[in-house]
Amino acid sequence: MPKILIRNLNNKVILANEDSASILNDIHNAGIDWMHACGAKGRCTTCKMVVHSGLESFGPDTEAETKFRTLGKLKSNERLACQNSCKGDLEISVAEINKFPHMTYTD
């Protein structure tokens, strides 16, 4: 099973289910609160993750990601957690703009 390491959550490591619909589902199934204002429909960027390693295991941008990249709302190392599944080990962070006030983040 691929591993997802979340750097700014104390280097929390979770196991991804290869049959999962999305990385967002894997994160939520591990009991981690991760923002998704549009209900995981790809209509916003609140679930975006900063990808530090493993970017090569993603497929091409989804239609939603292409739209948000064109609008300048997604950087080249950011992907939407609701629009992608985990195919290999990842090292990610919660985007600064999408951090919850009730959670403790690390550097």
N, C-alpha and C. Protein backbone atom coordinates (compact mmCIF):
# COMPACT_ATOMS: atom_id res chain seq x y z
N MET A 1 0.84 -1.19 0.00
CA MET A 1 0.00 0.00 0.00
C MET A 1 0.89 1.25 0.00
N PRO A 2 0.53 2.21 -0.83
CA PRO A 2 1.30 3.47 -0.82
C PRO A 2 1.14 4.21 0.50
N LYS A 3 2.17 4.96 0.85
CA LYS A 3 2.16 5.76 2.08
C LYS A 3 2.05 7.23 1.71
N ILE A 4 1.31 7.94 2.55
CA ILE A 4 1.20 9.40 2.42
C ILE A 4 1.77 10.00 3.70
N LEU A 5 2.86 10.76 3.56
CA LEU A 5 3.45 11.47 4.69
C LEU A 5 2.99 12.91 4.61
N ILE A 6 2.40 13.41 5.70
CA ILE A 6 1.93 14.79 5.74
C ILE A 6 2.89 15.58 6.62
N ARG A 7 3.78 16.32 5.98
CA ARG A 7 4.87 17.02 6.66
C ARG A 7 4.42 17.92 7.80
N ASN A 8 3.47 18.81 7.50
CA ASN A 8 3.12 19.81 8.50
C ASN A 8 2.05 19.34 9.49
N LEU A 9 1.84 18.05 9.55
CA LEU A 9 1.02 17.44 10.60
C LEU A 9 1.90 16.44 11.36
N ASN A 10 3.04 16.95 11.84
CA ASN A 10 3.99 16.14 12.61
C ASN A 10 4.49 14.92 11.83
N ASN A 11 4.66 15.08 10.52
CA ASN A 11 5.12 13.98 9.66
C ASN A 11 4.25 12.73 9.81
N LYS A 12 2.96 12.95 9.95
CA LYS A 12 1.98 11.86 10.08
C LYS A 12 2.02 11.00 8.82
N VAL A 13 2.09 9.71 8.99
CA VAL A 13 2.10 8.77 7.87
C VAL A 13 0.81 7.98 7.89
N ILE A 14 0.14 7.95 6.76
CA ILE A 14 -1.07 7.13 6.62
C ILE A 14 -0.90 6.20 5.43
N LEU A 15 -1.61 5.11 5.45
CA LEU A 15 -1.59 4.17 4.34
C LEU A 15 -2.75 4.48 3.41
N ALA A 16 -2.44 4.56 2.13
CA ALA A 16 -3.48 4.84 1.14
C ALA A 16 -4.07 3.52 0.67
N ASN A 17 -5.35 3.52 0.45
CA ASN A 17 -6.04 2.37 -0.11
C ASN A 17 -6.03 2.54 -1.63
N GLU A 18 -5.40 1.62 -2.34
CA GLU A 18 -5.29 1.74 -3.79
C GLU A 18 -6.64 1.74 -4.49
N ASP A 19 -7.68 1.26 -3.82
CA ASP A 19 -9.02 1.25 -4.39
C ASP A 19 -9.83 2.48 -4.00
N SER A 20 -9.23 3.37 -3.22
CA SER A 20 -9.93 4.57 -2.75
C SER A 20 -10.23 5.50 -3.91
N ALA A 21 -11.34 6.20 -3.81
CA ALA A 21 -11.74 7.15 -4.85
C ALA A 21 -10.82 8.35 -4.90
N SER A 22 -10.23 8.73 -3.75
CA SER A 22 -9.39 9.93 -3.76
C SER A 22 -8.45 9.95 -2.56
N ILE A 23 -7.42 10.76 -2.68
CA ILE A 23 -6.50 10.99 -1.57
C ILE A 23 -7.26 11.62 -0.41
N LEU A 24 -8.21 12.50 -0.73
CA LEU A 24 -9.03 13.11 0.32
C LEU A 24 -9.73 12.04 1.14
N ASN A 25 -10.27 11.01 0.50
CA ASN A 25 -10.91 9.91 1.23
C ASN A 25 -9.92 9.20 2.12
N ASP A 26 -8.71 8.95 1.61
CA ASP A 26 -7.68 8.29 2.42
C ASP A 26 -7.36 9.11 3.66
N ILE A 27 -7.23 10.42 3.48
CA ILE A 27 -6.91 11.32 4.60
C ILE A 27 -8.04 11.31 5.63
N HIS A 28 -9.28 11.42 5.15
CA HIS A 28 -10.42 11.41 6.08
C HIS A 28 -10.58 10.06 6.76
N ASN A 29 -10.35 8.97 6.03
CA ASN A 29 -10.46 7.64 6.61
C ASN A 29 -9.41 7.42 7.71
N ALA A 30 -8.32 8.17 7.66
CA ALA A 30 -7.29 8.09 8.70
C ALA A 30 -7.62 8.99 9.89
N GLY A 31 -8.78 9.65 9.85
CA GLY A 31 -9.22 10.48 10.97
C GLY A 31 -8.63 11.88 10.97
N ILE A 32 -8.13 12.33 9.83
CA ILE A 32 -7.52 13.66 9.73
C ILE A 32 -8.54 14.61 9.11
N ASP A 33 -8.70 15.75 9.75
CA ASP A 33 -9.61 16.78 9.25
C ASP A 33 -8.90 17.55 8.14
N TRP A 34 -9.44 17.52 6.93
CA TRP A 34 -8.83 18.18 5.76
C TRP A 34 -9.95 18.95 5.06
N MET A 35 -9.70 20.20 4.80
CA MET A 35 -10.73 21.08 4.24
C MET A 35 -11.19 20.60 2.85
N HIS A 36 -12.48 20.77 2.60
CA HIS A 36 -13.07 20.49 1.28
C HIS A 36 -14.43 21.20 1.19
N ALA A 37 -14.39 22.49 0.98
CA ALA A 37 -15.58 23.34 1.05
C ALA A 37 -16.66 22.98 0.02
N CYS A 38 -16.27 22.46 -1.13
CA CYS A 38 -17.27 22.18 -2.17
C CYS A 38 -17.82 20.77 -2.08
N GLY A 39 -17.46 20.04 -1.04
CA GLY A 39 -17.95 18.68 -0.91
C GLY A 39 -17.20 17.69 -1.77
N ALA A 40 -15.95 18.00 -2.08
CA ALA A 40 -15.07 17.12 -2.87
C ALA A 40 -15.55 16.95 -4.31
N LYS A 41 -16.03 18.02 -4.88
CA LYS A 41 -16.53 17.98 -6.26
C LYS A 41 -15.60 18.66 -7.27
N GLY A 42 -14.45 19.16 -6.81
CA GLY A 42 -13.50 19.82 -7.70
C GLY A 42 -13.92 21.22 -8.10
N ARG A 43 -14.74 21.85 -7.29
CA ARG A 43 -15.25 23.19 -7.62
C ARG A 43 -14.52 24.31 -6.88
N CYS A 44 -13.55 23.95 -6.05
CA CYS A 44 -12.77 24.95 -5.32
C CYS A 44 -11.35 24.41 -5.18
N THR A 45 -10.54 25.07 -4.41
CA THR A 45 -9.17 24.59 -4.19
C THR A 45 -8.87 24.39 -2.70
N THR A 46 -9.90 24.26 -1.89
CA THR A 46 -9.66 24.16 -0.45
C THR A 46 -9.04 22.83 -0.03
N CYS A 47 -9.09 21.82 -0.86
CA CYS A 47 -8.46 20.54 -0.52
C CYS A 47 -7.07 20.41 -1.13
N LYS A 48 -6.56 21.49 -1.71
CA LYS A 48 -5.26 21.36 -2.39
C LYS A 48 -4.18 20.96 -1.42
N MET A 49 -3.26 20.18 -1.93
CA MET A 49 -2.11 19.72 -1.16
C MET A 49 -0.86 20.17 -1.88
N VAL A 50 0.14 20.54 -1.12
CA VAL A 50 1.44 20.86 -1.67
C VAL A 50 2.20 19.53 -1.74
N VAL A 51 2.64 19.16 -2.93
CA VAL A 51 3.31 17.88 -3.13
C VAL A 51 4.83 18.10 -3.12
N HIS A 52 5.50 17.52 -2.13
CA HIS A 52 6.96 17.66 -2.00
C HIS A 52 7.68 16.53 -2.71
N SER A 53 7.12 15.34 -2.71
CA SER A 53 7.67 14.23 -3.50
C SER A 53 6.54 13.29 -3.88
N GLY A 54 6.73 12.65 -5.02
CA GLY A 54 5.72 11.74 -5.53
C GLY A 54 4.86 12.34 -6.64
N LEU A 55 5.19 13.54 -7.07
CA LEU A 55 4.39 14.21 -8.11
C LEU A 55 4.34 13.39 -9.39
N GLU A 56 5.42 12.64 -9.64
CA GLU A 56 5.49 11.84 -10.86
C GLU A 56 4.48 10.69 -10.88
N SER A 57 3.92 10.33 -9.72
CA SER A 57 2.95 9.24 -9.68
C SER A 57 1.53 9.69 -10.01
N PHE A 58 1.34 11.00 -10.18
CA PHE A 58 0.04 11.52 -10.57
C PHE A 58 -0.12 11.45 -12.08
N GLY A 59 -1.34 11.32 -12.53
CA GLY A 59 -1.63 11.41 -13.95
C GLY A 59 -1.68 12.87 -14.36
N PRO A 60 -2.13 13.13 -15.57
CA PRO A 60 -2.28 14.52 -16.01
C PRO A 60 -3.31 15.25 -15.14
N ASP A 61 -3.23 16.57 -15.17
CA ASP A 61 -4.21 17.38 -14.44
C ASP A 61 -5.63 17.00 -14.85
N THR A 62 -6.51 17.02 -13.87
CA THR A 62 -7.93 16.84 -14.17
C THR A 62 -8.46 18.13 -14.80
N GLU A 63 -9.65 18.08 -15.31
CA GLU A 63 -10.27 19.27 -15.89
C GLU A 63 -10.34 20.41 -14.86
N ALA A 64 -10.71 20.06 -13.64
CA ALA A 64 -10.80 21.07 -12.57
C ALA A 64 -9.43 21.67 -12.28
N GLU A 65 -8.41 20.83 -12.21
CA GLU A 65 -7.06 21.33 -11.91
C GLU A 65 -6.55 22.23 -13.04
N THR A 66 -6.82 21.86 -14.26
CA THR A 66 -6.42 22.70 -15.40
C THR A 66 -7.07 24.06 -15.30
N LYS A 67 -8.35 24.08 -14.97
CA LYS A 67 -9.06 25.36 -14.82
C LYS A 67 -8.42 26.21 -13.73
N PHE A 68 -8.16 25.62 -12.57
CA PHE A 68 -7.60 26.39 -11.46
C PHE A 68 -6.15 26.81 -11.72
N ARG A 69 -5.40 26.00 -12.45
CA ARG A 69 -4.04 26.39 -12.83
C ARG A 69 -4.07 27.60 -13.75
N THR A 70 -5.00 27.58 -14.70
CA THR A 70 -5.16 28.70 -15.63
C THR A 70 -5.53 29.98 -14.88
N LEU A 71 -6.30 29.85 -13.83
CA LEU A 71 -6.71 31.00 -13.01
C LEU A 71 -5.65 31.41 -11.99
N GLY A 72 -4.54 30.67 -11.93
CA GLY A 72 -3.47 30.99 -11.00
C GLY A 72 -3.73 30.55 -9.57
N LYS A 73 -4.65 29.60 -9.38
CA LYS A 73 -5.02 29.15 -8.03
C LYS A 73 -4.33 27.85 -7.63
N LEU A 74 -3.61 27.23 -8.56
CA LEU A 74 -2.83 26.02 -8.26
C LEU A 74 -1.43 26.19 -8.83
N LYS A 75 -0.43 26.00 -7.98
CA LYS A 75 0.96 26.04 -8.44
C LYS A 75 1.33 24.70 -9.06
N SER A 76 2.48 24.65 -9.69
CA SER A 76 2.91 23.42 -10.38
C SER A 76 3.09 22.24 -9.43
N ASN A 77 3.36 22.50 -8.15
CA ASN A 77 3.54 21.41 -7.18
C ASN A 77 2.31 21.22 -6.28
N GLU A 78 1.16 21.68 -6.72
CA GLU A 78 -0.08 21.51 -5.96
C GLU A 78 -1.09 20.70 -6.77
N ARG A 79 -1.78 19.82 -6.08
CA ARG A 79 -2.85 19.02 -6.69
C ARG A 79 -4.05 19.03 -5.76
N LEU A 80 -5.22 18.72 -6.31
CA LEU A 80 -6.44 18.65 -5.51
C LEU A 80 -6.60 17.25 -4.94
N ALA A 81 -6.71 17.16 -3.63
CA ALA A 81 -6.83 15.86 -2.96
C ALA A 81 -8.12 15.13 -3.34
N CYS A 82 -9.15 15.88 -3.69
CA CYS A 82 -10.43 15.26 -4.05
C CYS A 82 -10.46 14.73 -5.48
N GLN A 83 -9.50 15.12 -6.29
CA GLN A 83 -9.52 14.77 -7.71
C GLN A 83 -8.49 13.71 -8.10
N ASN A 84 -7.72 13.24 -7.13
CA ASN A 84 -6.64 12.30 -7.43
C ASN A 84 -6.63 11.15 -6.44
N SER A 85 -6.19 9.98 -6.92
CA SER A 85 -5.99 8.85 -6.03
C SER A 85 -4.50 8.61 -5.89
N CYS A 86 -4.12 7.88 -4.88
CA CYS A 86 -2.72 7.66 -4.55
C CYS A 86 -2.21 6.40 -5.25
N LYS A 87 -1.25 6.57 -6.15
CA LYS A 87 -0.68 5.45 -6.90
C LYS A 87 0.73 5.09 -6.43
N GLY A 88 1.32 5.94 -5.61
CA GLY A 88 2.67 5.70 -5.10
C GLY A 88 2.87 6.53 -3.84
N ASP A 89 3.99 6.34 -3.18
CA ASP A 89 4.27 7.07 -1.95
C ASP A 89 4.30 8.58 -2.23
N LEU A 90 3.72 9.34 -1.30
CA LEU A 90 3.66 10.80 -1.42
C LEU A 90 4.16 11.46 -0.16
N GLU A 91 4.74 12.64 -0.34
CA GLU A 91 5.06 13.52 0.77
C GLU A 91 4.38 14.84 0.47
N ILE A 92 3.44 15.23 1.33
CA ILE A 92 2.60 16.40 1.07
C ILE A 92 2.54 17.30 2.30
N SER A 93 1.96 18.47 2.11
CA SER A 93 1.64 19.39 3.22
C SER A 93 0.27 19.98 2.96
N VAL A 94 -0.37 20.40 4.04
CA VAL A 94 -1.59 21.19 3.94
C VAL A 94 -1.16 22.57 3.45
N ALA A 95 -1.83 23.10 2.43
CA ALA A 95 -1.52 24.44 1.94
C ALA A 95 -1.78 25.46 3.04
N GLU A 96 -0.90 26.43 3.15
CA GLU A 96 -0.99 27.45 4.21
C GLU A 96 -2.37 28.09 4.27
N ILE A 97 -2.93 28.43 3.12
CA ILE A 97 -4.22 29.13 3.06
C ILE A 97 -5.38 28.25 3.53
N ASN A 98 -5.19 26.93 3.54
CA ASN A 98 -6.29 26.01 3.87
C ASN A 98 -6.16 25.35 5.23
N LYS A 99 -5.32 25.90 6.09
CA LYS A 99 -5.16 25.32 7.42
C LYS A 99 -6.35 25.68 8.31
N PHE A 100 -6.79 24.68 9.08
CA PHE A 100 -7.88 24.89 10.03
C PHE A 100 -7.35 25.55 11.30
N PRO A 101 -8.11 26.46 11.90
CA PRO A 101 -7.66 27.11 13.13
C PRO A 101 -7.65 26.17 14.35
N HIS A 102 -8.44 25.10 14.31
CA HIS A 102 -8.51 24.20 15.46
C HIS A 102 -7.45 23.11 15.45
N MET A 103 -6.61 23.08 14.44
CA MET A 103 -5.58 22.05 14.34
C MET A 103 -4.20 22.65 14.59
N THR A 104 -3.30 21.82 15.07
CA THR A 104 -1.92 22.24 15.31
C THR A 104 -1.06 21.74 14.16
N TYR A 105 -0.39 22.66 13.49
CA TYR A 105 0.47 22.31 12.36
C TYR A 105 1.94 22.52 12.77
N THR A 106 2.82 21.80 12.11
CA THR A 106 4.25 21.93 12.34
C THR A 106 4.87 22.49 11.06
N ASP A 107 6.12 22.86 11.15
CA ASP A 107 6.83 23.39 9.98
C ASP A 107 7.37 22.29 9.10
